[in-house]
Amino acid sequence: MTTFEKHYIGKGKQVNGLEIVRVTLPVAGLEAAVFEKEGVKYLSFEIAKLKEPDKFGRTHTCYFQTKNYTGEPKDQEPQQAKKADKKKSKKQPAETGG
């Protein structure tokens, strides 16, 4: 099973009257959010609106996610086998009495 862990890296505030959110992020925490693809480095993070502004008036939070793999693939095999059994039972002709 795959789960995602959120790593909060900063907060921001919506600019009055505009669809713009200004965020401030510490550079020191961003290295963990950087990944490389085809020789190009990328920084990927999400910005989510808070339910209500915090005590400093910030309206949004910033975070990046990492995948956490839990359990073993063997745990999934019995579930697949059950599905296959169900298919077999549907294909069997119904028995008629007498």
N, C-alpha and C. Protein backbone atom coordinates (compact mmCIF):
# COMPACT_ATOMS: atom_id res chain seq x y z
N MET A 1 0.84 -1.17 0.00
CA MET A 1 0.00 0.00 0.00
C MET A 1 0.89 1.24 0.00
N THR A 2 0.47 2.23 -0.73
CA THR A 2 1.22 3.47 -0.80
C THR A 2 0.45 4.56 -0.05
N THR A 3 1.17 5.26 0.82
CA THR A 3 0.59 6.42 1.50
C THR A 3 1.48 7.61 1.23
N PHE A 4 0.95 8.78 1.42
CA PHE A 4 1.71 10.01 1.20
C PHE A 4 1.87 10.75 2.52
N GLU A 5 3.08 11.25 2.75
CA GLU A 5 3.36 12.02 3.95
C GLU A 5 3.59 13.47 3.55
N LYS A 6 2.91 14.39 4.22
CA LYS A 6 3.05 15.81 3.93
C LYS A 6 4.16 16.41 4.79
N HIS A 7 5.01 17.22 4.14
CA HIS A 7 6.09 17.93 4.83
C HIS A 7 5.82 19.42 4.64
N TYR A 8 5.40 20.08 5.71
CA TYR A 8 5.04 21.50 5.64
C TYR A 8 6.31 22.35 5.59
N ILE A 9 6.34 23.28 4.63
CA ILE A 9 7.56 24.05 4.40
C ILE A 9 7.36 25.55 4.51
N GLY A 10 6.15 26.03 4.63
CA GLY A 10 5.94 27.47 4.75
C GLY A 10 4.49 27.84 4.63
N LYS A 11 4.22 29.15 4.74
CA LYS A 11 2.86 29.66 4.62
C LYS A 11 2.86 30.92 3.76
N GLY A 12 1.66 31.31 3.36
CA GLY A 12 1.54 32.50 2.54
C GLY A 12 0.21 33.18 2.77
N LYS A 13 0.03 34.28 2.05
CA LYS A 13 -1.16 35.10 2.22
C LYS A 13 -1.69 35.51 0.84
N GLN A 14 -3.02 35.43 0.69
CA GLN A 14 -3.62 35.86 -0.56
C GLN A 14 -3.55 37.38 -0.66
N VAL A 15 -3.16 37.86 -1.84
CA VAL A 15 -3.06 39.30 -2.08
C VAL A 15 -4.48 39.84 -2.24
N ASN A 16 -4.79 40.90 -1.52
CA ASN A 16 -6.14 41.48 -1.55
C ASN A 16 -6.58 41.83 -2.96
N GLY A 17 -7.76 41.36 -3.34
CA GLY A 17 -8.35 41.71 -4.62
C GLY A 17 -7.78 40.95 -5.81
N LEU A 18 -6.84 40.05 -5.60
CA LEU A 18 -6.23 39.31 -6.72
C LEU A 18 -6.24 37.81 -6.44
N GLU A 19 -6.13 37.02 -7.48
CA GLU A 19 -6.03 35.56 -7.36
C GLU A 19 -4.56 35.16 -7.26
N ILE A 20 -3.82 35.84 -6.40
CA ILE A 20 -2.40 35.59 -6.21
C ILE A 20 -2.15 35.28 -4.74
N VAL A 21 -1.32 34.27 -4.50
CA VAL A 21 -0.91 33.93 -3.14
C VAL A 21 0.59 34.16 -3.04
N ARG A 22 1.01 35.02 -2.13
CA ARG A 22 2.43 35.29 -1.92
C ARG A 22 2.90 34.39 -0.78
N VAL A 23 3.91 33.55 -1.05
CA VAL A 23 4.41 32.61 -0.05
C VAL A 23 5.87 32.90 0.28
N THR A 24 6.26 32.56 1.47
CA THR A 24 7.65 32.69 1.90
C THR A 24 8.10 31.32 2.38
N LEU A 25 9.18 30.82 1.76
CA LEU A 25 9.70 29.49 2.08
C LEU A 25 11.17 29.56 2.45
N PRO A 26 11.58 28.88 3.51
CA PRO A 26 13.01 28.83 3.83
C PRO A 26 13.73 27.91 2.86
N VAL A 27 14.81 28.36 2.27
CA VAL A 27 15.54 27.58 1.28
C VAL A 27 16.11 26.30 1.88
N ALA A 28 16.50 26.35 3.15
CA ALA A 28 17.12 25.19 3.79
C ALA A 28 16.24 23.95 3.76
N GLY A 29 14.93 24.09 3.81
CA GLY A 29 14.05 22.93 3.83
C GLY A 29 13.62 22.44 2.47
N LEU A 30 14.00 23.13 1.42
CA LEU A 30 13.50 22.80 0.09
C LEU A 30 14.30 21.71 -0.63
N GLU A 31 15.51 21.41 -0.19
CA GLU A 31 16.33 20.42 -0.89
C GLU A 31 15.63 19.06 -0.95
N ALA A 32 14.88 18.71 0.08
CA ALA A 32 14.20 17.42 0.11
C ALA A 32 13.06 17.34 -0.89
N ALA A 33 12.57 18.48 -1.37
CA ALA A 33 11.47 18.50 -2.33
C ALA A 33 11.95 18.53 -3.77
N VAL A 34 13.26 18.63 -3.98
CA VAL A 34 13.82 18.72 -5.33
C VAL A 34 14.03 17.32 -5.89
N PHE A 35 13.64 17.12 -7.15
CA PHE A 35 13.92 15.87 -7.84
C PHE A 35 14.46 16.18 -9.22
N GLU A 36 15.07 15.19 -9.83
CA GLU A 36 15.71 15.38 -11.14
C GLU A 36 15.09 14.43 -12.15
N LYS A 37 14.81 14.95 -13.34
CA LYS A 37 14.26 14.15 -14.44
C LYS A 37 14.92 14.59 -15.73
N GLU A 38 15.56 13.66 -16.40
CA GLU A 38 16.25 13.91 -17.67
C GLU A 38 17.25 15.06 -17.54
N GLY A 39 17.97 15.09 -16.42
CA GLY A 39 19.02 16.07 -16.22
C GLY A 39 18.57 17.45 -15.78
N VAL A 40 17.26 17.62 -15.57
CA VAL A 40 16.72 18.91 -15.14
C VAL A 40 16.19 18.75 -13.72
N LYS A 41 16.53 19.68 -12.83
CA LYS A 41 16.05 19.64 -11.45
C LYS A 41 14.73 20.41 -11.34
N TYR A 42 13.80 19.83 -10.59
CA TYR A 42 12.48 20.42 -10.39
C TYR A 42 12.19 20.55 -8.90
N LEU A 43 11.40 21.53 -8.56
CA LEU A 43 10.89 21.71 -7.20
C LEU A 43 9.37 21.60 -7.30
N SER A 44 8.81 20.64 -6.60
CA SER A 44 7.38 20.42 -6.66
C SER A 44 6.78 20.55 -5.27
N PHE A 45 5.75 21.37 -5.12
CA PHE A 45 5.06 21.52 -3.84
C PHE A 45 3.63 21.97 -4.09
N GLU A 46 2.80 21.81 -3.08
CA GLU A 46 1.41 22.19 -3.15
C GLU A 46 1.15 23.40 -2.26
N ILE A 47 0.15 24.18 -2.66
CA ILE A 47 -0.31 25.30 -1.85
C ILE A 47 -1.79 25.06 -1.60
N ALA A 48 -2.16 25.01 -0.32
CA ALA A 48 -3.55 24.74 0.05
C ALA A 48 -4.09 25.87 0.91
N LYS A 49 -5.36 26.18 0.69
CA LYS A 49 -6.00 27.24 1.47
C LYS A 49 -6.33 26.71 2.86
N LEU A 50 -6.02 27.51 3.87
CA LEU A 50 -6.36 27.16 5.24
C LEU A 50 -7.86 27.37 5.48
N LYS A 51 -8.43 26.62 6.42
CA LYS A 51 -9.85 26.79 6.73
C LYS A 51 -10.14 28.19 7.23
N GLU A 52 -9.21 28.73 8.00
CA GLU A 52 -9.32 30.12 8.46
C GLU A 52 -7.91 30.67 8.62
N PRO A 53 -7.74 31.97 8.46
CA PRO A 53 -6.40 32.56 8.59
C PRO A 53 -5.81 32.31 9.97
N ASP A 54 -4.47 32.16 10.01
CA ASP A 54 -3.79 31.98 11.31
C ASP A 54 -3.67 33.33 12.02
N LYS A 55 -3.00 33.34 13.16
CA LYS A 55 -2.93 34.58 13.96
C LYS A 55 -2.12 35.68 13.28
N PHE A 56 -1.35 35.33 12.23
CA PHE A 56 -0.58 36.33 11.49
C PHE A 56 -1.28 36.75 10.19
N GLY A 57 -2.49 36.23 9.96
CA GLY A 57 -3.24 36.59 8.76
C GLY A 57 -2.88 35.76 7.53
N ARG A 58 -2.07 34.73 7.69
CA ARG A 58 -1.71 33.89 6.54
C ARG A 58 -2.88 32.98 6.19
N THR A 59 -3.16 32.89 4.91
CA THR A 59 -4.35 32.18 4.44
C THR A 59 -4.06 30.85 3.76
N HIS A 60 -2.79 30.57 3.46
CA HIS A 60 -2.42 29.36 2.73
C HIS A 60 -1.20 28.69 3.37
N THR A 61 -1.11 27.38 3.17
CA THR A 61 0.04 26.63 3.64
C THR A 61 0.70 25.93 2.46
N CYS A 62 1.99 25.68 2.55
CA CYS A 62 2.76 25.03 1.49
C CYS A 62 3.37 23.74 2.03
N TYR A 63 3.34 22.71 1.20
CA TYR A 63 3.94 21.44 1.60
C TYR A 63 4.33 20.65 0.37
N PHE A 64 5.22 19.68 0.57
CA PHE A 64 5.51 18.71 -0.47
C PHE A 64 5.23 17.34 0.11
N GLN A 65 5.03 16.37 -0.78
CA GLN A 65 4.66 15.04 -0.33
C GLN A 65 5.72 14.01 -0.73
N THR A 66 5.87 13.01 0.13
CA THR A 66 6.73 11.87 -0.20
C THR A 66 5.89 10.61 -0.11
N LYS A 67 6.22 9.63 -0.95
CA LYS A 67 5.52 8.36 -0.94
C LYS A 67 6.13 7.46 0.10
N ASN A 68 5.28 6.79 0.86
CA ASN A 68 5.71 5.79 1.82
C ASN A 68 5.06 4.47 1.42
N TYR A 69 5.89 3.46 1.21
CA TYR A 69 5.40 2.14 0.84
C TYR A 69 5.29 1.30 2.10
N THR A 70 4.11 0.79 2.37
CA THR A 70 3.89 -0.04 3.55
C THR A 70 3.35 -1.39 3.12
N GLY A 71 3.58 -2.40 3.93
CA GLY A 71 3.10 -3.74 3.60
C GLY A 71 3.98 -4.40 2.56
N GLU A 72 3.71 -5.65 2.31
CA GLU A 72 4.46 -6.41 1.32
C GLU A 72 3.56 -6.77 0.16
N PRO A 73 4.12 -6.95 -1.02
CA PRO A 73 3.29 -7.34 -2.17
C PRO A 73 2.53 -8.65 -1.92
N LYS A 74 3.05 -9.52 -1.03
CA LYS A 74 2.37 -10.77 -0.74
C LYS A 74 0.99 -10.53 -0.15
N ASP A 75 0.81 -9.42 0.55
CA ASP A 75 -0.49 -9.09 1.13
C ASP A 75 -1.55 -8.89 0.05
N GLN A 76 -1.15 -8.47 -1.13
CA GLN A 76 -2.10 -8.19 -2.20
C GLN A 76 -2.46 -9.45 -2.97
N GLU A 77 -1.62 -10.47 -2.97
CA GLU A 77 -1.88 -11.67 -3.76
C GLU A 77 -3.16 -12.39 -3.35
N PRO A 78 -3.43 -12.60 -2.05
CA PRO A 78 -4.68 -13.27 -1.69
C PRO A 78 -5.92 -12.52 -2.18
N GLN A 79 -5.88 -11.20 -2.18
CA GLN A 79 -7.02 -10.43 -2.66
C GLN A 79 -7.24 -10.68 -4.13
N GLN A 80 -6.17 -10.76 -4.90
CA GLN A 80 -6.29 -11.03 -6.33
C GLN A 80 -6.84 -12.43 -6.56
N ALA A 81 -6.41 -13.39 -5.75
CA ALA A 81 -6.89 -14.75 -5.88
C ALA A 81 -8.38 -14.82 -5.60
N LYS A 82 -8.86 -14.06 -4.61
CA LYS A 82 -10.28 -14.04 -4.30
C LYS A 82 -11.08 -13.51 -5.49
N LYS A 83 -10.56 -12.49 -6.13
CA LYS A 83 -11.25 -11.95 -7.29
C LYS A 83 -11.32 -12.99 -8.40
N ALA A 84 -10.25 -13.72 -8.61
CA ALA A 84 -10.23 -14.76 -9.64
C ALA A 84 -11.23 -15.85 -9.30
N ASP A 85 -11.34 -16.23 -8.01
CA ASP A 85 -12.29 -17.24 -7.60
C ASP A 85 -13.72 -16.80 -7.90
N LYS A 86 -14.00 -15.53 -7.67
CA LYS A 86 -15.34 -15.02 -7.93
C LYS A 86 -15.68 -15.15 -9.41
N LYS A 87 -14.70 -14.86 -10.26
CA LYS A 87 -14.93 -14.97 -11.69
C LYS A 87 -15.22 -16.41 -12.08
N LYS A 88 -14.50 -17.35 -11.49
CA LYS A 88 -14.71 -18.76 -11.80
C LYS A 88 -16.11 -19.18 -11.40
N SER A 89 -16.58 -18.72 -10.24
CA SER A 89 -17.90 -19.12 -9.77
C SER A 89 -18.99 -18.62 -10.67
N LYS A 90 -18.80 -17.48 -11.30
CA LYS A 90 -19.81 -16.94 -12.21
C LYS A 90 -19.88 -17.75 -13.49
N LYS A 91 -18.76 -18.33 -13.91
CA LYS A 91 -18.71 -19.06 -15.16
C LYS A 91 -19.30 -20.47 -15.03
N GLN A 92 -19.38 -21.00 -13.81
CA GLN A 92 -19.89 -22.35 -13.60
C GLN A 92 -21.40 -22.34 -13.85
N PRO A 93 -21.89 -23.35 -14.56
CA PRO A 93 -23.33 -23.39 -14.81
C PRO A 93 -24.11 -23.69 -13.53
N ALA A 94 -25.27 -23.13 -13.45
CA ALA A 94 -26.09 -23.35 -12.26
C ALA A 94 -26.64 -24.76 -12.28
N GLU A 95 -26.65 -25.40 -11.10
CA GLU A 95 -27.18 -26.76 -11.01
C GLU A 95 -28.69 -26.70 -10.90
N THR A 96 -29.36 -27.60 -11.57
CA THR A 96 -30.82 -27.65 -11.49
C THR A 96 -31.23 -28.92 -10.79
N GLY A 97 -32.19 -28.82 -9.96
CA GLY A 97 -32.67 -29.99 -9.21
C GLY A 97 -33.64 -30.80 -10.02
N GLY A 98 -33.55 -32.16 -9.98
CA GLY A 98 -34.38 -33.07 -10.48
C GLY A 98 -35.04 -33.49 -11.57
